[in-house]
Amino acid sequence: MAQAILLKEVEGLGQAGEAVEVAPGYLRNYLIPRKLAQPATPAALAEAERRREAEERAAREAAERAGETAALLSKTVLTIHHRAGEDGRLFGSVTEKEIADAVAEARGIRVDRKRVKLERPIREVGTYMVEIEVGGGATARVKTIVAEQK
């Protein structure tokens, strides 16, 4: 058996960066020509370990930043002014894009509108709790006040 380091995920064999035991012919004739794996030399094993540690560190740091961003957004109160009738119903509605733009204006944090979770568009004046996915599994509930535009 020959030892190989996978460069990409191979179904039934393993994930990228793993060291696996394979038949020498399989490694030489299938994995290497398709750039799915490389022979496991001591230097290649050390490089794969360094790469894996760097990925783990980057993921941990991204999760920390996402948590900090979620905490900051949870303390944020957005005020969105919209034209409304006398009964408090809006002409139009407040959408995910408007909320994402309000977050960018208030905190300087760019949020993709697809990460703003509204059950349905906001169509009345009032106070709402809007959920925003920050990433890394973190979400923030942002208090959003929809006020009548004067």
N, C-alpha and C. Protein backbone atom coordinates (compact mmCIF):
# COMPACT_ATOMS: atom_id res chain seq x y z
N MET A 1 0.84 -1.18 0.00
CA MET A 1 0.00 0.00 0.00
C MET A 1 0.88 1.25 0.00
N ALA A 2 0.40 2.27 -0.67
CA ALA A 2 1.11 3.55 -0.74
C ALA A 2 0.30 4.60 0.03
N GLN A 3 1.01 5.53 0.60
CA GLN A 3 0.33 6.58 1.34
C GLN A 3 0.24 7.81 0.44
N ALA A 4 -0.94 8.46 0.46
CA ALA A 4 -1.17 9.64 -0.38
C ALA A 4 -1.87 10.72 0.45
N ILE A 5 -1.67 11.96 0.06
CA ILE A 5 -2.37 13.09 0.66
C ILE A 5 -3.39 13.57 -0.36
N LEU A 6 -4.64 13.60 0.04
CA LEU A 6 -5.70 14.02 -0.87
C LEU A 6 -5.67 15.54 -1.04
N LEU A 7 -5.73 15.98 -2.29
CA LEU A 7 -5.77 17.41 -2.60
C LEU A 7 -7.20 17.91 -2.71
N LYS A 8 -8.11 16.99 -3.04
CA LYS A 8 -9.54 17.30 -3.12
C LYS A 8 -10.30 16.15 -2.46
N GLU A 9 -11.56 16.39 -2.17
CA GLU A 9 -12.37 15.33 -1.58
C GLU A 9 -12.60 14.24 -2.63
N VAL A 10 -12.39 12.99 -2.21
CA VAL A 10 -12.62 11.84 -3.07
C VAL A 10 -13.66 10.98 -2.38
N GLU A 11 -14.80 10.79 -3.05
CA GLU A 11 -15.89 10.03 -2.45
C GLU A 11 -15.44 8.61 -2.12
N GLY A 12 -15.71 8.19 -0.92
CA GLY A 12 -15.36 6.86 -0.48
C GLY A 12 -13.91 6.73 0.01
N LEU A 13 -13.15 7.81 -0.10
CA LEU A 13 -11.74 7.75 0.29
C LEU A 13 -11.43 8.73 1.42
N GLY A 14 -11.85 9.99 1.27
CA GLY A 14 -11.59 10.94 2.33
C GLY A 14 -11.73 12.38 1.88
N GLN A 15 -11.44 13.29 2.83
CA GLN A 15 -11.52 14.73 2.60
C GLN A 15 -10.16 15.28 2.16
N ALA A 16 -10.18 16.48 1.62
CA ALA A 16 -8.95 17.14 1.21
C ALA A 16 -8.04 17.34 2.42
N GLY A 17 -6.75 17.06 2.25
CA GLY A 17 -5.77 17.23 3.32
C GLY A 17 -5.53 15.97 4.14
N GLU A 18 -6.34 14.95 3.97
CA GLU A 18 -6.16 13.71 4.73
C GLU A 18 -5.08 12.84 4.10
N ALA A 19 -4.37 12.11 4.94
CA ALA A 19 -3.41 11.12 4.47
C ALA A 19 -4.12 9.77 4.47
N VAL A 20 -4.12 9.08 3.33
CA VAL A 20 -4.83 7.80 3.21
C VAL A 20 -3.91 6.75 2.60
N GLU A 21 -4.24 5.51 2.86
CA GLU A 21 -3.52 4.36 2.27
C GLU A 21 -4.29 3.90 1.03
N VAL A 22 -3.60 3.85 -0.10
CA VAL A 22 -4.21 3.39 -1.35
C VAL A 22 -3.25 2.46 -2.07
N ALA A 23 -3.77 1.74 -3.03
CA ALA A 23 -2.92 0.87 -3.84
C ALA A 23 -2.00 1.74 -4.69
N PRO A 24 -0.75 1.31 -4.88
CA PRO A 24 0.20 2.13 -5.65
C PRO A 24 -0.29 2.44 -7.06
N GLY A 25 -0.92 1.47 -7.72
CA GLY A 25 -1.41 1.69 -9.08
C GLY A 25 -2.55 2.71 -9.11
N TYR A 26 -3.43 2.66 -8.12
CA TYR A 26 -4.55 3.61 -8.02
C TYR A 26 -4.01 5.02 -7.85
N LEU A 27 -2.97 5.15 -7.02
CA LEU A 27 -2.36 6.46 -6.81
C LEU A 27 -1.70 6.95 -8.10
N ARG A 28 -0.89 6.09 -8.71
CA ARG A 28 -0.10 6.47 -9.89
C ARG A 28 -0.98 6.68 -11.13
N ASN A 29 -2.00 5.85 -11.33
CA ASN A 29 -2.77 5.88 -12.57
C ASN A 29 -4.07 6.68 -12.51
N TYR A 30 -4.60 6.92 -11.31
CA TYR A 30 -5.89 7.60 -11.21
C TYR A 30 -5.79 8.92 -10.42
N LEU A 31 -5.29 8.84 -9.20
CA LEU A 31 -5.33 10.02 -8.33
C LEU A 31 -4.37 11.13 -8.77
N ILE A 32 -3.13 10.78 -9.06
CA ILE A 32 -2.14 11.80 -9.44
C ILE A 32 -2.47 12.46 -10.78
N PRO A 33 -2.80 11.71 -11.84
CA PRO A 33 -3.11 12.38 -13.12
C PRO A 33 -4.32 13.33 -13.03
N ARG A 34 -5.27 13.03 -12.18
CA ARG A 34 -6.45 13.87 -12.03
C ARG A 34 -6.27 14.96 -10.97
N LYS A 35 -5.06 15.06 -10.43
CA LYS A 35 -4.71 16.04 -9.40
C LYS A 35 -5.64 15.95 -8.19
N LEU A 36 -5.97 14.70 -7.82
CA LEU A 36 -6.79 14.45 -6.63
C LEU A 36 -5.93 14.16 -5.42
N ALA A 37 -4.67 13.74 -5.64
CA ALA A 37 -3.79 13.39 -4.53
C ALA A 37 -2.35 13.56 -4.96
N GLN A 38 -1.47 13.53 -3.95
CA GLN A 38 -0.03 13.55 -4.20
C GLN A 38 0.60 12.52 -3.28
N PRO A 39 1.77 12.01 -3.66
CA PRO A 39 2.43 11.03 -2.79
C PRO A 39 2.75 11.66 -1.44
N ALA A 40 2.64 10.87 -0.38
CA ALA A 40 2.85 11.37 0.98
C ALA A 40 4.32 11.26 1.36
N THR A 41 5.07 12.31 1.09
CA THR A 41 6.45 12.41 1.54
C THR A 41 6.43 13.11 2.90
N PRO A 42 7.50 13.00 3.68
CA PRO A 42 7.52 13.70 4.97
C PRO A 42 7.27 15.21 4.84
N ALA A 43 7.83 15.83 3.80
CA ALA A 43 7.63 17.27 3.60
C ALA A 43 6.17 17.56 3.24
N ALA A 44 5.56 16.72 2.41
CA ALA A 44 4.17 16.91 2.01
C ALA A 44 3.24 16.71 3.20
N LEU A 45 3.55 15.74 4.07
CA LEU A 45 2.74 15.52 5.27
C LEU A 45 2.81 16.73 6.20
N ALA A 46 4.01 17.29 6.36
CA ALA A 46 4.18 18.47 7.21
C ALA A 46 3.42 19.66 6.63
N GLU A 47 3.49 19.83 5.33
CA GLU A 47 2.78 20.94 4.67
C GLU A 47 1.27 20.76 4.82
N ALA A 48 0.76 19.55 4.67
CA ALA A 48 -0.67 19.29 4.83
C ALA A 48 -1.11 19.59 6.26
N GLU A 49 -0.29 19.25 7.23
CA GLU A 49 -0.60 19.54 8.64
C GLU A 49 -0.63 21.05 8.89
N ARG A 50 0.36 21.78 8.35
CA ARG A 50 0.37 23.24 8.50
C ARG A 50 -0.86 23.87 7.86
N ARG A 51 -1.23 23.39 6.68
CA ARG A 51 -2.40 23.91 5.97
C ARG A 51 -3.67 23.66 6.77
N ARG A 52 -3.79 22.46 7.34
CA ARG A 52 -4.97 22.12 8.13
C ARG A 52 -5.07 23.00 9.37
N GLU A 53 -3.93 23.22 10.05
CA GLU A 53 -3.92 24.09 11.23
C GLU A 53 -4.29 25.53 10.86
N ALA A 54 -3.80 26.01 9.72
CA ALA A 54 -4.12 27.37 9.28
C ALA A 54 -5.62 27.50 8.97
N GLU A 55 -6.19 26.48 8.35
CA GLU A 55 -7.63 26.51 8.06
C GLU A 55 -8.44 26.52 9.35
N GLU A 56 -8.04 25.71 10.33
CA GLU A 56 -8.75 25.68 11.61
C GLU A 56 -8.66 27.03 12.31
N ARG A 57 -7.46 27.64 12.29
CA ARG A 57 -7.28 28.93 12.92
C ARG A 57 -8.14 29.99 12.24
N ALA A 58 -8.17 29.97 10.90
CA ALA A 58 -8.96 30.94 10.15
C ALA A 58 -10.45 30.76 10.44
N ALA A 59 -10.91 29.52 10.54
CA ALA A 59 -12.31 29.26 10.85
C ALA A 59 -12.65 29.74 12.25
N ARG A 60 -11.75 29.52 13.21
CA ARG A 60 -11.97 29.96 14.59
C ARG A 60 -12.04 31.49 14.66
N GLU A 61 -11.12 32.17 13.95
CA GLU A 61 -11.11 33.63 13.94
C GLU A 61 -12.37 34.18 13.27
N ALA A 62 -12.82 33.53 12.18
CA ALA A 62 -14.03 33.98 11.51
C ALA A 62 -15.25 33.83 12.42
N ALA A 63 -15.30 32.73 13.18
CA ALA A 63 -16.40 32.53 14.12
C ALA A 63 -16.38 33.59 15.22
N GLU A 64 -15.18 33.94 15.70
CA GLU A 64 -15.07 34.99 16.72
C GLU A 64 -15.55 36.33 16.17
N ARG A 65 -15.12 36.67 14.95
CA ARG A 65 -15.55 37.93 14.34
C ARG A 65 -17.06 37.94 14.13
N ALA A 66 -17.61 36.80 13.71
CA ALA A 66 -19.06 36.72 13.50
C ALA A 66 -19.80 36.92 14.82
N GLY A 67 -19.27 36.35 15.90
CA GLY A 67 -19.89 36.53 17.22
C GLY A 67 -19.85 37.99 17.66
N GLU A 68 -18.71 38.65 17.42
CA GLU A 68 -18.58 40.07 17.78
C GLU A 68 -19.54 40.92 16.96
N THR A 69 -19.64 40.62 15.66
CA THR A 69 -20.55 41.36 14.79
C THR A 69 -22.00 41.15 15.21
N ALA A 70 -22.34 39.90 15.57
CA ALA A 70 -23.71 39.61 16.01
C ALA A 70 -24.02 40.37 17.30
N ALA A 71 -23.06 40.43 18.22
CA ALA A 71 -23.28 41.17 19.47
C ALA A 71 -23.47 42.66 19.18
N LEU A 72 -22.68 43.21 18.28
CA LEU A 72 -22.82 44.62 17.91
C LEU A 72 -24.17 44.89 17.26
N LEU A 73 -24.58 44.01 16.35
CA LEU A 73 -25.87 44.20 15.67
C LEU A 73 -27.04 44.05 16.64
N SER A 74 -26.91 43.18 17.63
CA SER A 74 -27.99 42.98 18.60
C SER A 74 -28.24 44.24 19.42
N LYS A 75 -27.21 45.07 19.57
CA LYS A 75 -27.35 46.32 20.32
C LYS A 75 -27.84 47.47 19.43
N THR A 76 -27.99 47.21 18.15
CA THR A 76 -28.35 48.24 17.19
C THR A 76 -29.86 48.41 17.12
N VAL A 77 -30.29 49.65 17.01
CA VAL A 77 -31.69 49.96 16.78
C VAL A 77 -31.76 50.72 15.46
N LEU A 78 -32.45 50.15 14.49
CA LEU A 78 -32.58 50.78 13.18
C LEU A 78 -33.88 51.56 13.12
N THR A 79 -33.86 52.72 12.52
CA THR A 79 -35.08 53.47 12.28
C THR A 79 -35.19 53.68 10.78
N ILE A 80 -36.29 53.20 10.22
CA ILE A 80 -36.52 53.32 8.79
C ILE A 80 -37.78 54.17 8.60
N HIS A 81 -37.62 55.26 7.86
CA HIS A 81 -38.76 56.14 7.59
C HIS A 81 -39.37 55.75 6.25
N HIS A 82 -40.70 55.63 6.25
CA HIS A 82 -41.40 55.21 5.05
C HIS A 82 -42.70 55.97 4.96
N ARG A 83 -43.15 56.24 3.77
CA ARG A 83 -44.45 56.91 3.61
C ARG A 83 -45.55 55.96 4.05
N ALA A 84 -46.52 56.53 4.79
CA ALA A 84 -47.61 55.71 5.30
C ALA A 84 -48.91 56.49 5.24
N GLY A 85 -50.02 55.76 5.22
CA GLY A 85 -51.33 56.38 5.25
C GLY A 85 -51.71 56.71 6.69
N GLU A 86 -52.90 57.26 6.87
CA GLU A 86 -53.34 57.66 8.20
C GLU A 86 -53.58 56.47 9.12
N ASP A 87 -53.87 55.32 8.56
CA ASP A 87 -54.12 54.13 9.38
C ASP A 87 -52.84 53.40 9.77
N GLY A 88 -51.67 53.92 9.36
CA GLY A 88 -50.39 53.31 9.73
C GLY A 88 -49.90 52.29 8.73
N ARG A 89 -50.65 52.05 7.68
CA ARG A 89 -50.20 51.10 6.64
C ARG A 89 -49.27 51.82 5.68
N LEU A 90 -48.18 51.15 5.33
CA LEU A 90 -47.18 51.75 4.46
C LEU A 90 -47.62 51.74 3.01
N PHE A 91 -47.17 52.73 2.26
CA PHE A 91 -47.30 52.70 0.81
C PHE A 91 -46.11 51.90 0.33
N GLY A 92 -46.31 50.66 -0.03
CA GLY A 92 -45.21 49.76 -0.35
C GLY A 92 -44.88 48.95 0.88
N SER A 93 -43.64 48.56 1.03
CA SER A 93 -43.23 47.77 2.19
C SER A 93 -41.75 47.94 2.44
N VAL A 94 -41.33 47.58 3.66
CA VAL A 94 -39.92 47.58 4.01
C VAL A 94 -39.38 46.19 3.68
N THR A 95 -38.36 46.13 2.84
CA THR A 95 -37.83 44.85 2.38
C THR A 95 -36.49 44.54 3.01
N GLU A 96 -35.98 43.35 2.72
CA GLU A 96 -34.68 42.92 3.23
C GLU A 96 -33.57 43.88 2.78
N LYS A 97 -33.68 44.36 1.54
CA LYS A 97 -32.64 45.27 1.02
C LYS A 97 -32.61 46.56 1.81
N GLU A 98 -33.75 47.12 2.14
CA GLU A 98 -33.77 48.37 2.90
C GLU A 98 -33.17 48.17 4.29
N ILE A 99 -33.44 47.02 4.90
CA ILE A 99 -32.88 46.73 6.22
C ILE A 99 -31.37 46.56 6.12
N ALA A 100 -30.89 45.86 5.09
CA ALA A 100 -29.45 45.69 4.89
C ALA A 100 -28.78 47.04 4.67
N ASP A 101 -29.42 47.92 3.90
CA ASP A 101 -28.86 49.26 3.67
C ASP A 101 -28.84 50.07 4.97
N ALA A 102 -29.88 49.93 5.80
CA ALA A 102 -29.93 50.65 7.08
C ALA A 102 -28.83 50.17 8.02
N VAL A 103 -28.54 48.87 8.01
CA VAL A 103 -27.45 48.33 8.84
C VAL A 103 -26.12 48.89 8.36
N ALA A 104 -25.92 48.95 7.05
CA ALA A 104 -24.67 49.48 6.50
C ALA A 104 -24.52 50.95 6.86
N GLU A 105 -25.61 51.70 6.85
CA GLU A 105 -25.55 53.12 7.18
C GLU A 105 -25.32 53.34 8.67
N ALA A 106 -25.99 52.53 9.51
CA ALA A 106 -25.90 52.72 10.96
C ALA A 106 -24.57 52.24 11.54
N ARG A 107 -24.10 51.07 11.12
CA ARG A 107 -22.91 50.46 11.72
C ARG A 107 -21.74 50.30 10.78
N GLY A 108 -21.94 50.55 9.50
CA GLY A 108 -20.85 50.37 8.55
C GLY A 108 -20.55 48.90 8.28
N ILE A 109 -21.51 48.03 8.57
CA ILE A 109 -21.34 46.60 8.35
C ILE A 109 -22.17 46.21 7.14
N ARG A 110 -21.51 45.67 6.14
CA ARG A 110 -22.24 45.24 4.95
C ARG A 110 -22.87 43.88 5.20
N VAL A 111 -24.16 43.81 4.97
CA VAL A 111 -24.92 42.58 5.16
C VAL A 111 -25.60 42.26 3.84
N ASP A 112 -25.47 41.03 3.40
CA ASP A 112 -26.15 40.60 2.19
C ASP A 112 -27.65 40.54 2.47
N ARG A 113 -28.46 41.06 1.58
CA ARG A 113 -29.90 41.10 1.82
C ARG A 113 -30.50 39.70 1.96
N LYS A 114 -29.84 38.70 1.42
CA LYS A 114 -30.33 37.33 1.54
C LYS A 114 -30.17 36.79 2.94
N ARG A 115 -29.34 37.43 3.74
CA ARG A 115 -29.12 36.99 5.12
C ARG A 115 -30.08 37.66 6.11
N VAL A 116 -30.87 38.61 5.61
CA VAL A 116 -31.89 39.25 6.44
C VAL A 116 -33.14 38.39 6.34
N LYS A 117 -33.62 37.91 7.50
CA LYS A 117 -34.74 36.97 7.51
C LYS A 117 -36.01 37.68 7.96
N LEU A 118 -36.91 37.89 7.01
CA LEU A 118 -38.24 38.43 7.30
C LEU A 118 -39.25 37.35 6.92
N GLU A 119 -40.21 37.10 7.79
CA GLU A 119 -41.25 36.13 7.44
C GLU A 119 -42.04 36.65 6.26
N ARG A 120 -42.32 37.96 6.29
CA ARG A 120 -43.00 38.62 5.18
C ARG A 120 -42.56 40.09 5.22
N PRO A 121 -42.68 40.81 4.12
CA PRO A 121 -42.29 42.22 4.12
C PRO A 121 -43.09 43.01 5.17
N ILE A 122 -42.45 44.01 5.74
CA ILE A 122 -43.10 44.84 6.76
C ILE A 122 -43.99 45.85 6.04
N ARG A 123 -45.28 45.86 6.39
CA ARG A 123 -46.23 46.72 5.69
C ARG A 123 -46.93 47.73 6.60
N GLU A 124 -46.56 47.76 7.89
CA GLU A 124 -47.20 48.68 8.81
C GLU A 124 -46.15 49.38 9.67
N VAL A 125 -46.50 50.58 10.13
CA VAL A 125 -45.64 51.32 11.05
C VAL A 125 -45.59 50.55 12.36
N GLY A 126 -44.40 50.46 12.98
CA GLY A 126 -44.28 49.78 14.26
C GLY A 126 -42.85 49.36 14.54
N THR A 127 -42.70 48.54 15.59
CA THR A 127 -41.39 48.04 15.99
C THR A 127 -41.34 46.54 15.72
N TYR A 128 -40.26 46.10 15.11
CA TYR A 128 -40.11 44.71 14.71
C TYR A 128 -38.73 44.21 15.12
N MET A 129 -38.64 42.92 15.42
CA MET A 129 -37.35 42.27 15.65
C MET A 129 -37.00 41.50 14.37
N VAL A 130 -35.92 41.89 13.74
CA VAL A 130 -35.51 41.28 12.47
C VAL A 130 -34.28 40.43 12.73
N GLU A 131 -34.29 39.22 12.23
CA GLU A 131 -33.16 38.31 12.40
C GLU A 131 -32.22 38.43 11.21
N ILE A 132 -30.91 38.57 11.52
CA ILE A 132 -29.89 38.68 10.47
C ILE A 132 -28.84 37.61 10.72
N GLU A 133 -28.57 36.79 9.70
CA GLU A 133 -27.50 35.79 9.79
C GLU A 133 -26.18 36.50 9.52
N VAL A 134 -25.26 36.39 10.46
CA VAL A 134 -23.97 37.06 10.31
C VAL A 134 -22.95 36.12 9.67
N GLY A 135 -23.09 34.84 9.87
CA GLY A 135 -22.14 33.87 9.36
C GLY A 135 -21.50 33.13 10.51
N GLY A 136 -20.88 32.03 10.24
CA GLY A 136 -20.25 31.25 11.30
C GLY A 136 -21.26 30.72 12.29
N GLY A 137 -22.51 30.58 11.86
CA GLY A 137 -23.55 30.07 12.74
C GLY A 137 -24.12 31.12 13.69
N ALA A 138 -23.67 32.37 13.59
CA ALA A 138 -24.15 33.42 14.48
C ALA A 138 -25.28 34.20 13.82
N THR A 139 -26.30 34.50 14.62
CA THR A 139 -27.39 35.34 14.14
C THR A 139 -27.61 36.47 15.14
N ALA A 140 -28.14 37.55 14.65
CA ALA A 140 -28.42 38.71 15.50
C ALA A 140 -29.88 39.12 15.31
N ARG A 141 -30.51 39.51 16.41
CA ARG A 141 -31.87 40.04 16.34
C ARG A 141 -31.76 41.56 16.49
N VAL A 142 -32.14 42.27 15.44
CA VAL A 142 -31.99 43.71 15.38
C VAL A 142 -33.36 44.36 15.55
N LYS A 143 -33.45 45.27 16.49
CA LYS A 143 -34.69 46.00 16.70
C LYS A 143 -34.82 47.02 15.57
N THR A 144 -35.93 46.95 14.85
CA THR A 144 -36.15 47.82 13.71
C THR A 144 -37.44 48.60 13.93
N ILE A 145 -37.34 49.91 13.90
CA ILE A 145 -38.49 50.77 14.08
C ILE A 145 -38.85 51.34 12.71
N VAL A 146 -40.07 51.08 12.28
CA VAL A 146 -40.56 51.63 11.03
C VAL A 146 -41.45 52.82 11.40
N ALA A 147 -41.02 54.00 11.00
CA ALA A 147 -41.74 55.23 11.35
C ALA A 147 -42.30 55.88 10.10
N GLU A 148 -43.33 56.66 10.33
CA GLU A 148 -43.95 57.38 9.21
C GLU A 148 -43.06 58.52 8.78
N GLN A 149 -42.90 58.65 7.48
CA GLN A 149 -42.08 59.72 6.94
C GLN A 149 -42.89 61.00 6.95
N LYS A 150 -42.31 62.07 7.47
CA LYS A 150 -43.03 63.35 7.59
C LYS A 150 -42.96 64.11 6.30
